Amino acid sequence: MPIQSGKYSWAPVAQGDEEAELRVVIPVEDTVKAKDCDISIGKKKLKAGVKGQEPIIDDAFFKARRRSDGGGGGQEQEDRCL
């Protein structure tokens, strides 16, 4: 299953002269905890959602990505999201 349109948003993250990063935001309910999340970031594929539900994103990248630390965390907003 590819992508569920309208259930997430994305935006590029400025990195100066380095390769661009991308931030994907998937809003979730207040009751969802980290252990409830099903997230897999591979070299050629991204899968994200809540365990026991259809993934919001389950699709291949248009080209292979370089490996990094995965970023994540560090959100400065109050909204709950993956």
PDB file of N, CA and C in Angstrom:
ATOM      1  N   MET A   1       0.846  -1.178   0.000  1.00  0.00           N
ATOM      2  CA  MET A   1       0.000   0.000   0.000  1.00  0.00           C
ATOM      3  C   MET A   1       0.889   1.239   0.000  1.00  0.00           C
ATOM      4  N   PRO A   2       0.715   2.119  -0.953  1.00  0.00           N
ATOM      5  CA  PRO A   2       1.556   3.318  -0.975  1.00  0.00           C
ATOM      6  C   PRO A   2       1.205   4.299   0.136  1.00  0.00           C
ATOM      7  N   ILE A   3       0.742   5.465  -0.215  1.00  0.00           N
ATOM      8  CA  ILE A   3       0.590   6.569   0.719  1.00  0.00           C
ATOM      9  C   ILE A   3      -0.880   6.922   0.919  1.00  0.00           C
ATOM     10  N   GLN A   4      -1.257   7.253   2.152  1.00  0.00           N
ATOM     11  CA  GLN A   4      -2.607   7.736   2.440  1.00  0.00           C
ATOM     12  C   GLN A   4      -2.581   9.253   2.376  1.00  0.00           C
ATOM     13  N   SER A   5      -2.988   9.801   1.257  1.00  0.00           N
ATOM     14  CA  SER A   5      -2.943  11.252   1.047  1.00  0.00           C
ATOM     15  C   SER A   5      -3.745  12.002   2.102  1.00  0.00           C
ATOM     16  N   GLY A   6      -3.252  13.155   2.497  1.00  0.00           N
ATOM     17  CA  GLY A   6      -3.940  14.019   3.444  1.00  0.00           C
ATOM     18  C   GLY A   6      -3.747  13.645   4.900  1.00  0.00           C
ATOM     19  N   LYS A   7      -3.012  12.565   5.203  1.00  0.00           N
ATOM     20  CA  LYS A   7      -2.822  12.148   6.587  1.00  0.00           C
ATOM     21  C   LYS A   7      -1.439  12.481   7.122  1.00  0.00           C
ATOM     22  N   TYR A   8      -0.644  13.198   6.340  1.00  0.00           N
ATOM     23  CA  TYR A   8       0.680  13.593   6.779  1.00  0.00           C
ATOM     24  C   TYR A   8       1.084  14.852   6.025  1.00  0.00           C
ATOM     25  N   SER A   9       2.156  15.481   6.484  1.00  0.00           N
ATOM     26  CA  SER A   9       2.708  16.621   5.763  1.00  0.00           C
ATOM     27  C   SER A   9       4.219  16.457   5.731  1.00  0.00           C
ATOM     28  N   TRP A  10       4.860  17.159   4.832  1.00  0.00           N
ATOM     29  CA  TRP A  10       6.305  17.094   4.749  1.00  0.00           C
ATOM     30  C   TRP A  10       6.853  18.446   4.334  1.00  0.00           C
ATOM     31  N   ALA A  11       8.113  18.676   4.700  1.00  0.00           N
ATOM     32  CA  ALA A  11       8.781  19.932   4.340  1.00  0.00           C
ATOM     33  C   ALA A  11      10.286  19.696   4.340  1.00  0.00           C
ATOM     34  N   PRO A  12      10.995  20.349   3.437  1.00  0.00           N
ATOM     35  CA  PRO A  12      12.458  20.245   3.455  1.00  0.00           C
ATOM     36  C   PRO A  12      13.023  20.982   4.667  1.00  0.00           C
ATOM     37  N   VAL A  13      14.135  20.501   5.178  1.00  0.00           N
ATOM     38  CA  VAL A  13      14.817  21.126   6.310  1.00  0.00           C
ATOM     39  C   VAL A  13      16.114  21.708   5.767  1.00  0.00           C
ATOM     40  N   ALA A  14      16.306  23.013   5.912  1.00  0.00           N
ATOM     41  CA  ALA A  14      17.495  23.685   5.372  1.00  0.00           C
ATOM     42  C   ALA A  14      18.762  23.146   6.034  1.00  0.00           C
ATOM     43  N   GLN A  15      19.745  22.818   5.223  1.00  0.00           N
ATOM     44  CA  GLN A  15      21.006  22.283   5.720  1.00  0.00           C
ATOM     45  C   GLN A  15      22.204  23.016   5.132  1.00  0.00           C
ATOM     46  N   GLY A  16      22.025  24.228   4.645  1.00  0.00           N
ATOM     47  CA  GLY A  16      23.135  24.955   4.035  1.00  0.00           C
ATOM     48  C   GLY A  16      23.546  24.301   2.734  1.00  0.00           C
ATOM     49  N   ASP A  17      24.839  24.004   2.603  1.00  0.00           N
ATOM     50  CA  ASP A  17      25.350  23.396   1.377  1.00  0.00           C
ATOM     51  C   ASP A  17      25.272  21.875   1.396  1.00  0.00           C
ATOM     52  N   GLU A  18      24.910  21.285   2.516  1.00  0.00           N
ATOM     53  CA  GLU A  18      24.819  19.832   2.620  1.00  0.00           C
ATOM     54  C   GLU A  18      23.589  19.325   1.875  1.00  0.00           C
ATOM     55  N   GLU A  19      23.500  18.006   1.731  1.00  0.00           N
ATOM     56  CA  GLU A  19      22.320  17.436   1.100  1.00  0.00           C
ATOM     57  C   GLU A  19      21.089  17.768   1.927  1.00  0.00           C
ATOM     58  N   ALA A  20      19.989  17.975   1.264  1.00  0.00           N
ATOM     59  CA  ALA A  20      18.743  18.363   1.932  1.00  0.00           C
ATOM     60  C   ALA A  20      18.196  17.219   2.773  1.00  0.00           C
ATOM     61  N   GLU A  21      17.581  17.578   3.876  1.00  0.00           N
ATOM     62  CA  GLU A  21      16.851  16.629   4.705  1.00  0.00           C
ATOM     63  C   GLU A  21      15.379  16.906   4.533  1.00  0.00           C
ATOM     64  N   LEU A  22      14.582  15.958   4.922  1.00  0.00           N
ATOM     65  CA  LEU A  22      13.140  16.067   4.778  1.00  0.00           C
ATOM     66  C   LEU A  22      12.491  15.721   6.107  1.00  0.00           C
ATOM     67  N   ARG A  23      11.543  16.536   6.547  1.00  0.00           N
ATOM     68  CA  ARG A  23      10.796  16.261   7.775  1.00  0.00           C
ATOM     69  C   ARG A  23       9.382  15.855   7.373  1.00  0.00           C
ATOM     70  N   VAL A  24       8.964  14.664   7.824  1.00  0.00           N
ATOM     71  CA  VAL A  24       7.621  14.154   7.565  1.00  0.00           C
ATOM     72  C   VAL A  24       6.878  14.149   8.889  1.00  0.00           C
ATOM     73  N   VAL A  25       5.699  14.772   8.929  1.00  0.00           N
ATOM     74  CA  VAL A  25       4.898  14.870  10.154  1.00  0.00           C
ATOM     75  C   VAL A  25       3.589  14.109   9.954  1.00  0.00           C
ATOM     76  N   ILE A  26       3.322  13.170  10.874  1.00  0.00           N
ATOM     77  CA  ILE A  26       2.083  12.395  10.863  1.00  0.00           C
ATOM     78  C   ILE A  26       1.390  12.638  12.204  1.00  0.00           C
ATOM     79  N   PRO A  27       0.310  13.417  12.224  1.00  0.00           N
ATOM     80  CA  PRO A  27      -0.393  13.671  13.488  1.00  0.00           C
ATOM     81  C   PRO A  27      -0.977  12.370  14.065  1.00  0.00           C
ATOM     82  N   VAL A  28      -0.874  12.213  15.377  1.00  0.00           N
ATOM     83  CA  VAL A  28      -1.440  11.053  16.070  1.00  0.00           C
ATOM     84  C   VAL A  28      -2.224  11.526  17.293  1.00  0.00           C
ATOM     85  N   GLU A  29      -3.048  10.638  17.826  1.00  0.00           N
ATOM     86  CA  GLU A  29      -3.846  10.954  19.016  1.00  0.00           C
ATOM     87  C   GLU A  29      -2.950  11.014  20.251  1.00  0.00           C
ATOM     88  N   ASP A  30      -3.426  11.676  21.289  1.00  0.00           N
ATOM     89  CA  ASP A  30      -2.674  11.803  22.544  1.00  0.00           C
ATOM     90  C   ASP A  30      -2.387  10.452  23.198  1.00  0.00           C
ATOM     91  N   THR A  31      -3.195   9.440  22.909  1.00  0.00           N
ATOM     92  CA  THR A  31      -3.038   8.137  23.542  1.00  0.00           C
ATOM     93  C   THR A  31      -1.929   7.299  22.919  1.00  0.00           C
ATOM     94  N   VAL A  32      -1.404   7.699  21.767  1.00  0.00           N
ATOM     95  CA  VAL A  32      -0.359   6.934  21.078  1.00  0.00           C
ATOM     96  C   VAL A  32       0.987   7.193  21.749  1.00  0.00           C
ATOM     97  N   LYS A  33       1.659   6.103  22.117  1.00  0.00           N
ATOM     98  CA  LYS A  33       2.974   6.177  22.746  1.00  0.00           C
ATOM     99  C   LYS A  33       4.025   5.701  21.739  1.00  0.00           C
ATOM    100  N   ALA A  34       5.293   5.941  22.038  1.00  0.00           N
ATOM    101  CA  ALA A  34       6.386   5.559  21.138  1.00  0.00           C
ATOM    102  C   ALA A  34       6.336   4.067  20.801  1.00  0.00           C
ATOM    103  N   LYS A  35       6.016   3.226  21.781  1.00  0.00           N
ATOM    104  CA  LYS A  35       5.968   1.778  21.534  1.00  0.00           C
ATOM    105  C   LYS A  35       4.841   1.386  20.585  1.00  0.00           C
ATOM    106  N   ASP A  36       3.865   2.273  20.377  1.00  0.00           N
ATOM    107  CA  ASP A  36       2.757   2.007  19.469  1.00  0.00           C
ATOM    108  C   ASP A  36       3.095   2.341  18.016  1.00  0.00           C
ATOM    109  N   CYS A  37       4.215   3.014  17.799  1.00  0.00           N
ATOM    110  CA  CYS A  37       4.581   3.458  16.447  1.00  0.00           C
ATOM    111  C   CYS A  37       5.281   2.350  15.679  1.00  0.00           C
ATOM    112  N   ASP A  38       5.011   2.296  14.400  1.00  0.00           N
ATOM    113  CA  ASP A  38       5.641   1.330  13.499  1.00  0.00           C
ATOM    114  C   ASP A  38       6.348   2.134  12.419  1.00  0.00           C
ATOM    115  N   ILE A  39       7.654   2.354  12.605  1.00  0.00           N
ATOM    116  CA  ILE A  39       8.425   3.189  11.691  1.00  0.00           C
ATOM    117  C   ILE A  39       9.646   2.415  11.220  1.00  0.00           C
ATOM    118  N   SER A  40       9.825   2.391   9.907  1.00  0.00           N
ATOM    119  CA  SER A  40      10.964   1.720   9.309  1.00  0.00           C
ATOM    120  C   SER A  40      11.514   2.623   8.209  1.00  0.00           C
ATOM    121  N   ILE A  41      12.777   3.021   8.347  1.00  0.00           N
ATOM    122  CA  ILE A  41      13.421   3.868   7.353  1.00  0.00           C
ATOM    123  C   ILE A  41      14.581   3.077   6.774  1.00  0.00           C
ATOM    124  N   GLY A  42      14.398   2.590   5.563  1.00  0.00           N
ATOM    125  CA  GLY A  42      15.434   1.826   4.887  1.00  0.00           C
ATOM    126  C   GLY A  42      16.161   2.677   3.868  1.00  0.00           C
ATOM    127  N   LYS A  43      17.106   2.064   3.175  1.00  0.00           N
ATOM    128  CA  LYS A  43      17.864   2.788   2.164  1.00  0.00           C
ATOM    129  C   LYS A  43      16.984   3.160   0.979  1.00  0.00           C
ATOM    130  N   LYS A  44      15.978   2.323   0.685  1.00  0.00           N
ATOM    131  CA  LYS A  44      15.129   2.561  -0.483  1.00  0.00           C
ATOM    132  C   LYS A  44      13.645   2.662  -0.155  1.00  0.00           C
ATOM    133  N   LYS A  45      13.262   2.569   1.121  1.00  0.00           N
ATOM    134  CA  LYS A  45      11.841   2.515   1.470  1.00  0.00           C
ATOM    135  C   LYS A  45      11.557   3.210   2.799  1.00  0.00           C
ATOM    136  N   LEU A  46      10.361   3.786   2.924  1.00  0.00           N
ATOM    137  CA  LEU A  46       9.899   4.410   4.159  1.00  0.00           C
ATOM    138  C   LEU A  46       8.542   3.818   4.512  1.00  0.00           C
ATOM    139  N   LYS A  47       8.404   3.386   5.751  1.00  0.00           N
ATOM    140  CA  LYS A  47       7.123   2.878   6.254  1.00  0.00           C
ATOM    141  C   LYS A  47       6.879   3.553   7.596  1.00  0.00           C
ATOM    142  N   ALA A  48       5.691   4.149   7.760  1.00  0.00           N
ATOM    143  CA  ALA A  48       5.387   4.841   9.009  1.00  0.00           C
ATOM    144  C   ALA A  48       3.897   4.753   9.297  1.00  0.00           C
ATOM    145  N   GLY A  49       3.577   4.520  10.562  1.00  0.00           N
ATOM    146  CA  GLY A  49       2.192   4.454  10.991  1.00  0.00           C
ATOM    147  C   GLY A  49       2.108   4.020  12.441  1.00  0.00           C
ATOM    148  N   VAL A  50       0.937   3.569  12.824  1.00  0.00           N
ATOM    149  CA  VAL A  50       0.679   3.086  14.178  1.00  0.00           C
ATOM    150  C   VAL A  50       0.441   1.586  14.102  1.00  0.00           C
ATOM    151  N   LYS A  51       1.070   0.824  14.997  1.00  0.00           N
ATOM    152  CA  LYS A  51       0.921  -0.629  15.000  1.00  0.00           C
ATOM    153  C   LYS A  51      -0.558  -1.017  15.048  1.00  0.00           C
ATOM    154  N   GLY A  52      -0.911  -2.059  14.283  1.00  0.00           N
ATOM    155  CA  GLY A  52      -2.286  -2.542  14.265  1.00  0.00           C
ATOM    156  C   GLY A  52      -3.186  -1.786  13.306  1.00  0.00           C
ATOM    157  N   GLN A  53      -2.661  -0.752  12.649  1.00  0.00           N
ATOM    158  CA  GLN A  53      -3.417   0.028  11.674  1.00  0.00           C
ATOM    159  C   GLN A  53      -2.675  -0.001  10.340  1.00  0.00           C
ATOM    160  N   GLU A  54      -3.394   0.332   9.264  1.00  0.00           N
ATOM    161  CA  GLU A  54      -2.741   0.439   7.962  1.00  0.00           C
ATOM    162  C   GLU A  54      -1.669   1.526   8.043  1.00  0.00           C
ATOM    163  N   PRO A  55      -0.486   1.296   7.459  1.00  0.00           N
ATOM    164  CA  PRO A  55       0.542   2.340   7.477  1.00  0.00           C
ATOM    165  C   PRO A  55       0.069   3.598   6.757  1.00  0.00           C
ATOM    166  N   ILE A  56       0.463   4.746   7.263  1.00  0.00           N
ATOM    167  CA  ILE A  56       0.157   6.013   6.601  1.00  0.00           C
ATOM    168  C   ILE A  56       1.033   6.131   5.354  1.00  0.00           C
ATOM    169  N   ILE A  57       2.311   5.767   5.488  1.00  0.00           N
ATOM    170  CA  ILE A  57       3.251   5.759   4.371  1.00  0.00           C
ATOM    171  C   ILE A  57       3.904   4.382   4.321  1.00  0.00           C
ATOM    172  N   ASP A  58       3.902   3.776   3.157  1.00  0.00           N
ATOM    173  CA  ASP A  58       4.579   2.500   2.924  1.00  0.00           C
ATOM    174  C   ASP A  58       4.968   2.488   1.448  1.00  0.00           C
ATOM    175  N   ASP A  59       6.075   3.138   1.137  1.00  0.00           N
ATOM    176  CA  ASP A  59       6.432   3.334  -0.264  1.00  0.00           C
ATOM    177  C   ASP A  59       7.947   3.451  -0.419  1.00  0.00           C
ATOM    178  N   ALA A  60       8.395   3.334  -1.665  1.00  0.00           N
ATOM    179  CA  ALA A  60       9.817   3.426  -1.981  1.00  0.00           C
ATOM    180  C   ALA A  60      10.206   4.871  -2.282  1.00  0.00           C
ATOM    181  N   PHE A  61      11.459   5.219  -1.962  1.00  0.00           N
ATOM    182  CA  PHE A  61      12.010   6.512  -2.341  1.00  0.00           C
ATOM    183  C   PHE A  61      12.251   6.512  -3.852  1.00  0.00           C
ATOM    184  N   PHE A  62      12.285   7.676  -4.470  1.00  0.00           N
ATOM    185  CA  PHE A  62      12.532   7.720  -5.910  1.00  0.00           C
ATOM    186  C   PHE A  62      13.992   7.418  -6.235  1.00  0.00           C
ATOM    187  N   LYS A  63      14.877   7.545  -5.241  1.00  0.00           N
ATOM    188  CA  LYS A  63      16.256   7.097  -5.379  1.00  0.00           C
ATOM    189  C   LYS A  63      16.749   6.693  -3.992  1.00  0.00           C
ATOM    190  N   ALA A  64      17.789   5.870  -3.959  1.00  0.00           N
ATOM    191  CA  ALA A  64      18.317   5.399  -2.682  1.00  0.00           C
ATOM    192  C   ALA A  64      18.812   6.583  -1.856  1.00  0.00           C
ATOM    193  N   ARG A  65      18.571   6.535  -0.551  1.00  0.00           N
ATOM    194  CA  ARG A  65      19.006   7.615   0.321  1.00  0.00           C
ATOM    195  C   ARG A  65      20.317   7.235   0.986  1.00  0.00           C
ATOM    196  N   ARG A  66      21.053   8.251   1.413  1.00  0.00           N
ATOM    197  CA  ARG A  66      22.276   8.002   2.174  1.00  0.00           C
ATOM    198  C   ARG A  66      21.885   7.737   3.613  1.00  0.00           C
ATOM    199  N   ARG A  67      22.589   6.851   4.258  1.00  0.00           N
ATOM    200  CA  ARG A  67      22.319   6.550   5.667  1.00  0.00           C
ATOM    201  C   ARG A  67      22.758   7.716   6.547  1.00  0.00           C
ATOM    202  N   SER A  68      21.971   7.991   7.586  1.00  0.00           N
ATOM    203  CA  SER A  68      22.331   9.011   8.577  1.00  0.00           C
ATOM    204  C   SER A  68      21.803   8.549   9.922  1.00  0.00           C
ATOM    205  N   ASP A  69      21.847   9.404  10.904  1.00  0.00           N
ATOM    206  CA  ASP A  69      21.376   9.025  12.240  1.00  0.00           C
ATOM    207  C   ASP A  69      19.855   8.980  12.319  1.00  0.00           C
ATOM    208  N   GLY A  70      19.158   9.389  11.269  1.00  0.00           N
ATOM    209  CA  GLY A  70      17.701   9.326  11.261  1.00  0.00           C
ATOM    210  C   GLY A  70      17.020  10.524  11.870  1.00  0.00           C
ATOM    211  N   GLY A  71      17.759  11.410  12.525  1.00  0.00           N
ATOM    212  CA  GLY A  71      17.153  12.628  13.075  1.00  0.00           C
ATOM    213  C   GLY A  71      16.093  12.309  14.102  1.00  0.00           C
ATOM    214  N   GLY A  72      14.841  12.653  13.803  1.00  0.00           N
ATOM    215  CA  GLY A  72      13.729  12.401  14.718  1.00  0.00           C
ATOM    216  C   GLY A  72      13.748  13.368  15.881  1.00  0.00           C
ATOM    217  N   GLY A  73      13.098  12.982  16.963  1.00  0.00           N
ATOM    218  CA  GLY A  73      13.083  13.737  18.210  1.00  0.00           C
ATOM    219  C   GLY A  73      13.062  15.241  18.066  1.00  0.00           C
ATOM    220  N   GLY A  74      13.511  15.930  19.093  1.00  0.00           N
ATOM    221  CA  GLY A  74      13.727  17.353  19.096  1.00  0.00           C
ATOM    222  C   GLY A  74      12.620  18.235  18.569  1.00  0.00           C
ATOM    223  N   GLN A  75      11.388  17.883  18.778  1.00  0.00           N
ATOM    224  CA  GLN A  75      10.310  18.711  18.262  1.00  0.00           C
ATOM    225  C   GLN A  75       9.975  19.792  19.254  1.00  0.00           C
ATOM    226  N   GLU A  76       9.763  20.994  18.736  1.00  0.00           N
ATOM    227  CA  GLU A  76       9.493  22.140  19.590  1.00  0.00           C
ATOM    228  C   GLU A  76       8.021  22.517  19.581  1.00  0.00           C
ATOM    229  N   GLN A  77       7.174  21.644  19.079  1.00  0.00           N
ATOM    230  CA  GLN A  77       5.750  21.961  19.021  1.00  0.00           C
ATOM    231  C   GLN A  77       4.989  21.053  19.964  1.00  0.00           C
ATOM    232  N   GLU A  78       3.789  21.449  20.294  1.00  0.00           N
ATOM    233  CA  GLU A  78       2.979  20.689  21.230  1.00  0.00           C
ATOM    234  C   GLU A  78       2.193  19.576  20.568  1.00  0.00           C
ATOM    235  N   ASP A  79       2.021  19.643  19.242  1.00  0.00           N
ATOM    236  CA  ASP A  79       1.243  18.629  18.541  1.00  0.00           C
ATOM    237  C   ASP A  79       1.902  17.271  18.661  1.00  0.00           C
ATOM    238  N   ARG A  80       1.087  16.234  18.803  1.00  0.00           N
ATOM    239  CA  ARG A  80       1.592  14.870  18.842  1.00  0.00           C
ATOM    240  C   ARG A  80       1.728  14.377  17.416  1.00  0.00           C
ATOM    241  N   CYS A  81       2.896  13.888  17.067  1.00  0.00           N
ATOM    242  CA  CYS A  81       3.090  13.377  15.714  1.00  0.00           C
ATOM    243  C   CYS A  81       4.214  12.375  15.701  1.00  0.00           C
ATOM    244  N   LEU A  82       4.234  11.544  14.659  1.00  0.00           N
ATOM    245  CA  LEU A  82       5.319  10.575  14.453  1.00  0.00           C
ATOM    246  C   LEU A  82       6.442  11.284  13.766  1.00  0.00           C
TER     247      LEU A  82
END
